[in-house]
Each structure stands twice: as structure tokens, then as C-alpha cells.
Amino acid sequence: MKLTDALKNKDKILYGTAKIIKNSKLLVKVFLSSNYPADMKESITKKLGKVEIEQVKQNSEELGTLLRKPFLISVIGIKK
């Protein structure tokens, strides 16, 4: 699943590290921004378990723009 395909269904999108971790059992895939901190990446990987994680080339500013939000988004989760 590519990021652009995943963003087409707005009802299945979660963003924000806290929401992603809280709803980890509902997720199919997680996209991390290119500037997501390495130490946090290790932490979120452990907490998400078997959820597929992909780091994309877009930074957090670009992810915010893709979702048409006026703020930075570092992590996006796609629900089942």
C-alpha cells in the first residue's frame, strides 16, 4: 500500500504518535515522516508489534499538507 492510495479513504486515517499507539490493534500500516526522530522510531516500532511501518520520503510539513492540516504530522496510521 502506498501513501497516496492510503490517504484516499479519509475515514481510515489516524495521525499523531499517541493516537497511533493507543489504537495500534486497529491499524494495518503506519507511515513515518522522513524527519521522524530515530529514537522515537525504535520506541514506536516496539509498541506497535506486528503493524507494518514504512518511512516515507516526505517530511512532517509535507505530510501535514497532504492531509490538508495547518500543522506538522509526523506519523500516519491506516485503520483496518
C-alpha atoms as a PDB file:
ATOM      1  CA  MET A   1       0.000   0.000   0.000  1.00  0.00           C
ATOM      2  CA  LYS A   2       1.370   3.381  -0.995  1.00  0.00           C
ATOM      3  CA  LEU A   3       0.861   6.554   0.993  1.00  0.00           C
ATOM      4  CA  THR A   4      -1.148   8.259  -1.747  1.00  0.00           C
ATOM      5  CA  ASP A   5      -3.503   5.269  -2.006  1.00  0.00           C
ATOM      6  CA  ALA A   6      -3.910   5.121   1.768  1.00  0.00           C
ATOM      7  CA  LEU A   7      -4.870   8.790   2.016  1.00  0.00           C
ATOM      8  CA  LYS A   8      -7.834   8.400  -0.345  1.00  0.00           C
ATOM      9  CA  ASN A   9     -10.102   6.995   2.378  1.00  0.00           C
ATOM     10  CA  LYS A  10     -10.172   9.761   4.998  1.00  0.00           C
ATOM     11  CA  ASP A  11     -12.283   7.688   7.421  1.00  0.00           C
ATOM     12  CA  LYS A  12      -9.450   5.224   7.966  1.00  0.00           C
ATOM     13  CA  ILE A  13      -6.695   7.724   8.826  1.00  0.00           C
ATOM     14  CA  LEU A  14      -5.239   8.437  12.249  1.00  0.00           C
ATOM     15  CA  TYR A  15      -2.339  10.761  12.930  1.00  0.00           C
ATOM     16  CA  GLY A  16      -0.230  11.576  15.942  1.00  0.00           C
ATOM     17  CA  THR A  17       2.035   9.239  17.878  1.00  0.00           C
ATOM     18  CA  ALA A  18      -0.263   8.994  20.921  1.00  0.00           C
ATOM     19  CA  LYS A  19      -3.324   8.068  18.823  1.00  0.00           C
ATOM     20  CA  ILE A  20      -1.298   5.563  16.804  1.00  0.00           C
ATOM     21  CA  ILE A  21      -0.048   3.780  19.916  1.00  0.00           C
ATOM     22  CA  LYS A  22      -3.467   3.853  21.610  1.00  0.00           C
ATOM     23  CA  ASN A  23      -5.209   2.355  18.555  1.00  0.00           C
ATOM     24  CA  SER A  24      -2.412   0.015  17.457  1.00  0.00           C
ATOM     25  CA  LYS A  25      -4.691  -3.041  17.336  1.00  0.00           C
ATOM     26  CA  LEU A  26      -6.867  -1.348  14.715  1.00  0.00           C
ATOM     27  CA  LEU A  27      -4.018  -0.462  12.352  1.00  0.00           C
ATOM     28  CA  VAL A  28      -2.892  -2.107   9.138  1.00  0.00           C
ATOM     29  CA  LYS A  29       0.024   0.172   8.321  1.00  0.00           C
ATOM     30  CA  VAL A  30       1.887   3.170   9.735  1.00  0.00           C
ATOM     31  CA  PHE A  31       3.762   5.798   7.739  1.00  0.00           C
ATOM     32  CA  LEU A  32       6.548   7.812   9.400  1.00  0.00           C
ATOM     33  CA  SER A  33       7.828  11.120   8.063  1.00  0.00           C
ATOM     34  CA  SER A  34      11.393  11.354   6.808  1.00  0.00           C
ATOM     35  CA  ASN A  35      12.321  13.542   9.773  1.00  0.00           C
ATOM     36  CA  TYR A  36      10.752  11.310  12.444  1.00  0.00           C
ATOM     37  CA  PRO A  37      13.294  11.021  15.304  1.00  0.00           C
ATOM     38  CA  ALA A  38      15.305   7.785  15.249  1.00  0.00           C
ATOM     39  CA  ASP A  39      14.954   7.128  18.995  1.00  0.00           C
ATOM     40  CA  MET A  40      11.171   7.525  18.783  1.00  0.00           C
ATOM     41  CA  LYS A  41      11.094   5.237  15.737  1.00  0.00           C
ATOM     42  CA  GLU A  42      12.605   2.422  17.791  1.00  0.00           C
ATOM     43  CA  SER A  43      10.108   3.048  20.584  1.00  0.00           C
ATOM     44  CA  ILE A  44       7.036   3.122  18.342  1.00  0.00           C
ATOM     45  CA  THR A  45       8.231   0.014  16.478  1.00  0.00           C
ATOM     46  CA  LYS A  46       8.322  -1.937  19.746  1.00  0.00           C
ATOM     47  CA  LYS A  47       4.910  -0.666  20.868  1.00  0.00           C
ATOM     48  CA  LEU A  48       3.165  -1.410  17.570  1.00  0.00           C
ATOM     49  CA  GLY A  49       4.311  -5.013  17.362  1.00  0.00           C
ATOM     50  CA  LYS A  50       3.342  -6.609  14.045  1.00  0.00           C
ATOM     51  CA  VAL A  51       1.938  -3.486  12.361  1.00  0.00           C
ATOM     52  CA  GLU A  52       3.782  -2.713   9.128  1.00  0.00           C
ATOM     53  CA  ILE A  53       5.803   0.516   9.392  1.00  0.00           C
ATOM     54  CA  GLU A  54       7.159   2.460   6.431  1.00  0.00           C
ATOM     55  CA  GLN A  55       9.266   5.601   6.473  1.00  0.00           C
ATOM     56  CA  VAL A  56       8.282   7.852   3.562  1.00  0.00           C
ATOM     57  CA  LYS A  57      10.323  10.490   1.749  1.00  0.00           C
ATOM     58  CA  GLN A  58       8.003  13.340   2.804  1.00  0.00           C
ATOM     59  CA  ASN A  59       8.843  15.326   5.925  1.00  0.00           C
ATOM     60  CA  SER A  60       6.290  16.229   8.601  1.00  0.00           C
ATOM     61  CA  GLU A  61       5.418  19.541   6.951  1.00  0.00           C
ATOM     62  CA  GLU A  62       4.657  17.795   3.654  1.00  0.00           C
ATOM     63  CA  LEU A  63       2.527  15.143   5.405  1.00  0.00           C
ATOM     64  CA  GLY A  64       0.516  17.906   7.066  1.00  0.00           C
ATOM     65  CA  THR A  65      -0.045  19.472   3.659  1.00  0.00           C
ATOM     66  CA  LEU A  66      -1.091  16.123   2.134  1.00  0.00           C
ATOM     67  CA  LEU A  67      -3.764  15.796   4.812  1.00  0.00           C
ATOM     68  CA  ARG A  68      -4.715  19.473   4.390  1.00  0.00           C
ATOM     69  CA  LYS A  69      -3.913  20.289   8.007  1.00  0.00           C
ATOM     70  CA  PRO A  70      -2.339  23.583   9.183  1.00  0.00           C
ATOM     71  CA  PHE A  71       0.191  21.739  11.350  1.00  0.00           C
ATOM     72  CA  LEU A  72       3.014  19.213  11.111  1.00  0.00           C
ATOM     73  CA  ILE A  73       2.194  15.495  11.008  1.00  0.00           C
ATOM     74  CA  SER A  74       4.990  13.032  11.716  1.00  0.00           C
ATOM     75  CA  VAL A  75       3.095   9.757  11.780  1.00  0.00           C
ATOM     76  CA  ILE A  76       0.010   8.482   9.945  1.00  0.00           C
ATOM     77  CA  GLY A  77      -1.827   5.258  10.730  1.00  0.00           C
ATOM     78  CA  ILE A  78      -4.228   3.418   8.434  1.00  0.00           C
ATOM     79  CA  LYS A  79      -7.068   1.525  10.154  1.00  0.00           C
ATOM     80  CA  LYS A  80      -8.350  -1.879   9.015  1.00  0.00           C
END
